[in-house]
N, C-alpha and C. Protein backbone atom coordinates (compact mmCIF):
# COMPACT_ATOMS: atom_id res chain seq x y z
N MET A 1 47.48 61.21 -48.64
CA MET A 1 46.91 60.54 -49.77
C MET A 1 47.15 59.04 -49.73
N GLU A 2 48.33 58.66 -49.26
CA GLU A 2 48.63 57.23 -49.21
C GLU A 2 47.72 56.51 -48.21
N SER A 3 47.35 57.20 -47.14
CA SER A 3 46.49 56.56 -46.15
C SER A 3 45.11 56.25 -46.73
N LEU A 4 44.62 57.09 -47.63
CA LEU A 4 43.34 56.82 -48.27
C LEU A 4 43.42 55.57 -49.13
N GLY A 5 44.56 55.37 -49.78
CA GLY A 5 44.76 54.18 -50.61
C GLY A 5 44.78 52.91 -49.75
N LEU A 6 45.40 53.01 -48.56
CA LEU A 6 45.46 51.85 -47.67
C LEU A 6 44.07 51.51 -47.11
N VAL A 7 43.30 52.54 -46.80
CA VAL A 7 41.95 52.31 -46.28
C VAL A 7 41.10 51.64 -47.35
N ALA A 8 41.19 52.13 -48.59
CA ALA A 8 40.42 51.54 -49.68
C ALA A 8 40.86 50.11 -49.94
N ALA A 9 42.16 49.83 -49.85
CA ALA A 9 42.65 48.47 -50.05
C ALA A 9 42.17 47.56 -48.92
N GLY A 10 42.11 48.09 -47.70
CA GLY A 10 41.61 47.30 -46.57
C GLY A 10 40.15 46.94 -46.73
N ARG A 11 39.37 47.88 -47.26
CA ARG A 11 37.96 47.61 -47.51
C ARG A 11 37.79 46.54 -48.58
N LEU A 12 38.62 46.60 -49.61
CA LEU A 12 38.54 45.61 -50.67
C LEU A 12 38.87 44.21 -50.15
N LEU A 13 39.80 44.13 -49.23
CA LEU A 13 40.16 42.83 -48.65
C LEU A 13 39.09 42.34 -47.67
N ALA A 14 38.43 43.27 -47.00
CA ALA A 14 37.43 42.89 -46.00
C ALA A 14 36.14 42.39 -46.64
N MET A 15 35.80 42.89 -47.80
CA MET A 15 34.55 42.50 -48.45
C MET A 15 34.46 41.00 -48.73
N PRO A 16 35.49 40.35 -49.30
CA PRO A 16 35.38 38.90 -49.51
C PRO A 16 35.27 38.13 -48.21
N MET A 17 35.91 38.64 -47.15
CA MET A 17 35.84 37.94 -45.86
C MET A 17 34.43 38.02 -45.29
N VAL A 18 33.80 39.19 -45.41
CA VAL A 18 32.42 39.35 -44.93
C VAL A 18 31.49 38.44 -45.75
N ALA A 19 31.71 38.42 -47.05
CA ALA A 19 30.87 37.57 -47.91
C ALA A 19 31.04 36.10 -47.54
N LEU A 20 32.27 35.71 -47.22
CA LEU A 20 32.54 34.32 -46.84
C LEU A 20 31.83 33.97 -45.53
N VAL A 21 31.85 34.87 -44.57
CA VAL A 21 31.18 34.63 -43.28
C VAL A 21 29.67 34.53 -43.47
N VAL A 22 29.10 35.40 -44.29
CA VAL A 22 27.66 35.36 -44.55
C VAL A 22 27.29 34.07 -45.27
N LEU A 23 28.09 33.67 -46.24
CA LEU A 23 27.83 32.43 -46.97
C LEU A 23 27.92 31.22 -46.05
N ALA A 24 28.91 31.19 -45.17
CA ALA A 24 29.05 30.08 -44.23
C ALA A 24 27.86 30.02 -43.28
N ALA A 25 27.37 31.18 -42.85
CA ALA A 25 26.21 31.21 -41.95
C ALA A 25 24.95 30.71 -42.64
N MET A 26 24.83 31.00 -43.93
CA MET A 26 23.64 30.56 -44.67
C MET A 26 23.68 29.06 -44.95
N LEU A 27 24.86 28.52 -45.20
CA LEU A 27 24.97 27.12 -45.55
C LEU A 27 25.04 26.20 -44.33
N ALA A 28 25.40 26.74 -43.19
CA ALA A 28 25.50 25.93 -41.98
C ALA A 28 24.10 25.50 -41.55
N PRO A 29 23.96 24.27 -41.07
CA PRO A 29 22.64 23.83 -40.61
C PRO A 29 22.22 24.63 -39.37
N ALA A 30 20.94 24.74 -39.19
CA ALA A 30 20.42 25.46 -38.02
C ALA A 30 20.88 24.76 -36.75
N ALA A 31 21.01 25.51 -35.72
CA ALA A 31 21.41 24.94 -34.44
C ALA A 31 20.40 23.88 -34.02
N ALA A 32 20.90 22.85 -33.40
CA ALA A 32 20.03 21.76 -32.97
C ALA A 32 19.00 22.32 -31.99
N GLY A 33 17.77 22.38 -32.42
CA GLY A 33 16.70 22.93 -31.59
C GLY A 33 16.17 21.89 -30.63
N GLU A 34 16.91 21.62 -29.61
CA GLU A 34 16.52 20.59 -28.65
C GLU A 34 16.20 21.26 -27.32
N VAL A 35 15.10 20.87 -26.73
CA VAL A 35 14.71 21.40 -25.43
C VAL A 35 14.73 20.25 -24.45
N ARG A 36 15.51 20.41 -23.39
CA ARG A 36 15.57 19.39 -22.35
C ARG A 36 15.03 19.99 -21.06
N PHE A 37 13.94 19.43 -20.60
CA PHE A 37 13.38 19.90 -19.34
C PHE A 37 14.08 19.16 -18.21
N GLY A 38 14.46 19.89 -17.20
CA GLY A 38 15.14 19.30 -16.05
C GLY A 38 14.16 18.95 -14.95
N LYS A 39 14.62 19.08 -13.73
CA LYS A 39 13.79 18.75 -12.57
C LYS A 39 12.76 19.84 -12.30
N ASN A 40 11.63 19.44 -11.81
CA ASN A 40 10.57 20.35 -11.34
C ASN A 40 10.09 21.33 -12.41
N VAL A 41 9.89 20.86 -13.62
CA VAL A 41 9.36 21.71 -14.70
C VAL A 41 7.86 21.47 -14.78
N ARG A 42 7.10 22.57 -14.73
CA ARG A 42 5.65 22.46 -14.77
C ARG A 42 5.11 23.37 -15.87
N VAL A 43 4.16 22.84 -16.65
CA VAL A 43 3.49 23.60 -17.70
C VAL A 43 2.02 23.61 -17.35
N GLY A 44 1.50 24.76 -17.02
CA GLY A 44 0.10 24.87 -16.63
C GLY A 44 -0.23 24.08 -15.38
N GLY A 45 0.76 23.87 -14.54
CA GLY A 45 0.55 23.11 -13.31
C GLY A 45 0.77 21.61 -13.46
N HIS A 46 1.12 21.15 -14.68
CA HIS A 46 1.34 19.73 -14.93
C HIS A 46 2.84 19.46 -15.04
N ASP A 47 3.26 18.31 -14.54
CA ASP A 47 4.67 17.96 -14.48
C ASP A 47 5.19 17.53 -15.85
N PHE A 48 6.20 18.22 -16.37
CA PHE A 48 6.88 17.85 -17.60
C PHE A 48 8.37 17.66 -17.36
N SER A 49 8.74 17.21 -16.17
CA SER A 49 10.14 17.05 -15.80
C SER A 49 10.80 15.95 -16.62
N ASN A 50 12.10 16.14 -16.89
CA ASN A 50 12.97 15.15 -17.52
C ASN A 50 12.43 14.65 -18.87
N GLN A 51 11.94 15.55 -19.71
CA GLN A 51 11.50 15.19 -21.06
C GLN A 51 12.33 15.98 -22.05
N THR A 52 12.63 15.38 -23.19
CA THR A 52 13.42 16.03 -24.23
C THR A 52 12.60 16.09 -25.50
N PHE A 53 12.58 17.26 -26.13
CA PHE A 53 11.87 17.44 -27.39
C PHE A 53 12.83 18.04 -28.41
N ASP A 54 12.79 17.52 -29.64
CA ASP A 54 13.62 18.04 -30.73
C ASP A 54 12.80 17.97 -32.01
N SER A 55 13.46 17.98 -33.17
CA SER A 55 12.71 18.01 -34.44
C SER A 55 11.98 16.69 -34.71
N LYS A 56 12.43 15.58 -34.16
CA LYS A 56 11.77 14.29 -34.35
C LYS A 56 10.74 13.99 -33.28
N HIS A 57 10.92 14.51 -32.10
CA HIS A 57 9.98 14.31 -30.99
C HIS A 57 9.55 15.68 -30.49
N ARG A 58 8.36 16.10 -30.92
CA ARG A 58 7.87 17.43 -30.59
C ARG A 58 6.71 17.34 -29.63
N ALA A 59 6.28 18.50 -29.14
CA ALA A 59 5.14 18.54 -28.21
C ALA A 59 4.20 19.66 -28.60
N ARG A 60 2.91 19.39 -28.48
CA ARG A 60 1.85 20.40 -28.62
C ARG A 60 1.03 20.32 -27.36
N ILE A 61 1.05 21.38 -26.60
CA ILE A 61 0.36 21.39 -25.31
C ILE A 61 -0.75 22.43 -25.37
N TYR A 62 -1.97 21.98 -25.19
CA TYR A 62 -3.14 22.85 -25.16
C TYR A 62 -3.62 22.96 -23.72
N LEU A 63 -3.72 24.19 -23.22
CA LEU A 63 -4.18 24.42 -21.85
C LEU A 63 -5.57 25.03 -21.89
N TYR A 64 -6.46 24.50 -21.07
CA TYR A 64 -7.85 24.94 -21.02
C TYR A 64 -8.18 25.45 -19.62
N ASN A 65 -9.08 26.42 -19.56
CA ASN A 65 -9.57 26.89 -18.26
C ASN A 65 -10.69 25.97 -17.76
N HIS A 66 -11.27 25.17 -18.64
CA HIS A 66 -12.32 24.22 -18.27
C HIS A 66 -11.78 22.81 -18.54
N LYS A 67 -12.57 21.81 -18.21
CA LYS A 67 -12.14 20.43 -18.44
C LYS A 67 -12.18 20.14 -19.94
N PRO A 68 -11.03 19.72 -20.53
CA PRO A 68 -11.02 19.43 -21.97
C PRO A 68 -11.79 18.16 -22.30
N ARG A 69 -12.26 18.09 -23.53
CA ARG A 69 -13.04 16.92 -23.96
C ARG A 69 -12.17 15.66 -23.92
N LYS A 70 -10.96 15.73 -24.49
CA LYS A 70 -10.04 14.58 -24.49
C LYS A 70 -8.86 14.91 -23.60
N GLU A 71 -9.03 14.71 -22.31
CA GLU A 71 -7.99 15.07 -21.35
C GLU A 71 -6.84 14.07 -21.39
N GLY A 72 -5.62 14.58 -21.27
CA GLY A 72 -4.44 13.73 -21.21
C GLY A 72 -3.51 13.95 -22.40
N CYS A 73 -2.50 13.08 -22.49
CA CYS A 73 -1.48 13.18 -23.53
C CYS A 73 -1.44 11.90 -24.36
N ILE A 74 -1.13 12.06 -25.64
CA ILE A 74 -1.02 10.91 -26.54
C ILE A 74 0.05 11.23 -27.58
N TRP A 75 0.84 10.21 -27.95
CA TRP A 75 1.84 10.36 -29.01
C TRP A 75 1.18 10.09 -30.35
N ARG A 76 1.41 10.97 -31.32
CA ARG A 76 0.87 10.81 -32.67
C ARG A 76 2.00 10.99 -33.68
N SER A 77 1.81 10.40 -34.87
CA SER A 77 2.76 10.59 -35.96
C SER A 77 2.55 11.98 -36.56
N ASP A 78 3.65 12.63 -36.96
CA ASP A 78 3.50 13.96 -37.57
C ASP A 78 3.51 13.90 -39.09
N GLY A 79 3.62 12.72 -39.68
CA GLY A 79 3.59 12.56 -41.12
C GLY A 79 4.92 12.81 -41.80
N ARG A 80 5.95 13.17 -41.03
CA ARG A 80 7.27 13.44 -41.59
C ARG A 80 8.33 12.53 -40.97
N GLY A 81 7.92 11.44 -40.38
CA GLY A 81 8.87 10.52 -39.76
C GLY A 81 9.13 10.81 -38.29
N GLY A 82 8.46 11.77 -37.72
CA GLY A 82 8.64 12.10 -36.32
C GLY A 82 7.37 11.83 -35.53
N ARG A 83 7.43 12.18 -34.25
CA ARG A 83 6.28 11.99 -33.38
C ARG A 83 5.98 13.29 -32.66
N VAL A 84 4.70 13.47 -32.35
CA VAL A 84 4.25 14.66 -31.64
C VAL A 84 3.47 14.21 -30.41
N LYS A 85 3.84 14.76 -29.27
CA LYS A 85 3.09 14.49 -28.03
C LYS A 85 2.03 15.57 -27.92
N VAL A 86 0.77 15.19 -28.10
CA VAL A 86 -0.34 16.13 -28.04
C VAL A 86 -0.99 16.00 -26.66
N CYS A 87 -1.03 17.12 -25.95
CA CYS A 87 -1.59 17.13 -24.60
C CYS A 87 -2.72 18.13 -24.51
N HIS A 88 -3.86 17.68 -24.00
CA HIS A 88 -5.00 18.55 -23.70
C HIS A 88 -5.14 18.55 -22.19
N LEU A 89 -4.75 19.67 -21.56
CA LEU A 89 -4.70 19.71 -20.11
C LEU A 89 -5.49 20.89 -19.57
N GLN A 90 -6.03 20.71 -18.36
CA GLN A 90 -6.72 21.78 -17.66
C GLN A 90 -5.74 22.49 -16.76
N ARG A 91 -5.77 23.81 -16.77
CA ARG A 91 -4.89 24.59 -15.89
C ARG A 91 -5.20 24.23 -14.45
N LYS A 92 -4.17 24.17 -13.65
CA LYS A 92 -4.37 23.89 -12.22
C LYS A 92 -4.32 25.15 -11.43
């Protein structure tokens, strides 16, 4: 009978700890979502080596099977204080 009391007491002590861990996970900022491309990185046959993208510098890459109307890459404002590299590329 005493062992049941100890198990119940252990559960009561564990509950606040679990709640604290869940609360800390919710309040902690998201992991830095940064992508760093190293050497010899290719997207659709195009070289994207040594470029870094994060929440302020993002990329939108559109790949086409035919020649795109506006071929190439251009930096644009995203309206939130960051920049977006928009690329319209033909698959190689």
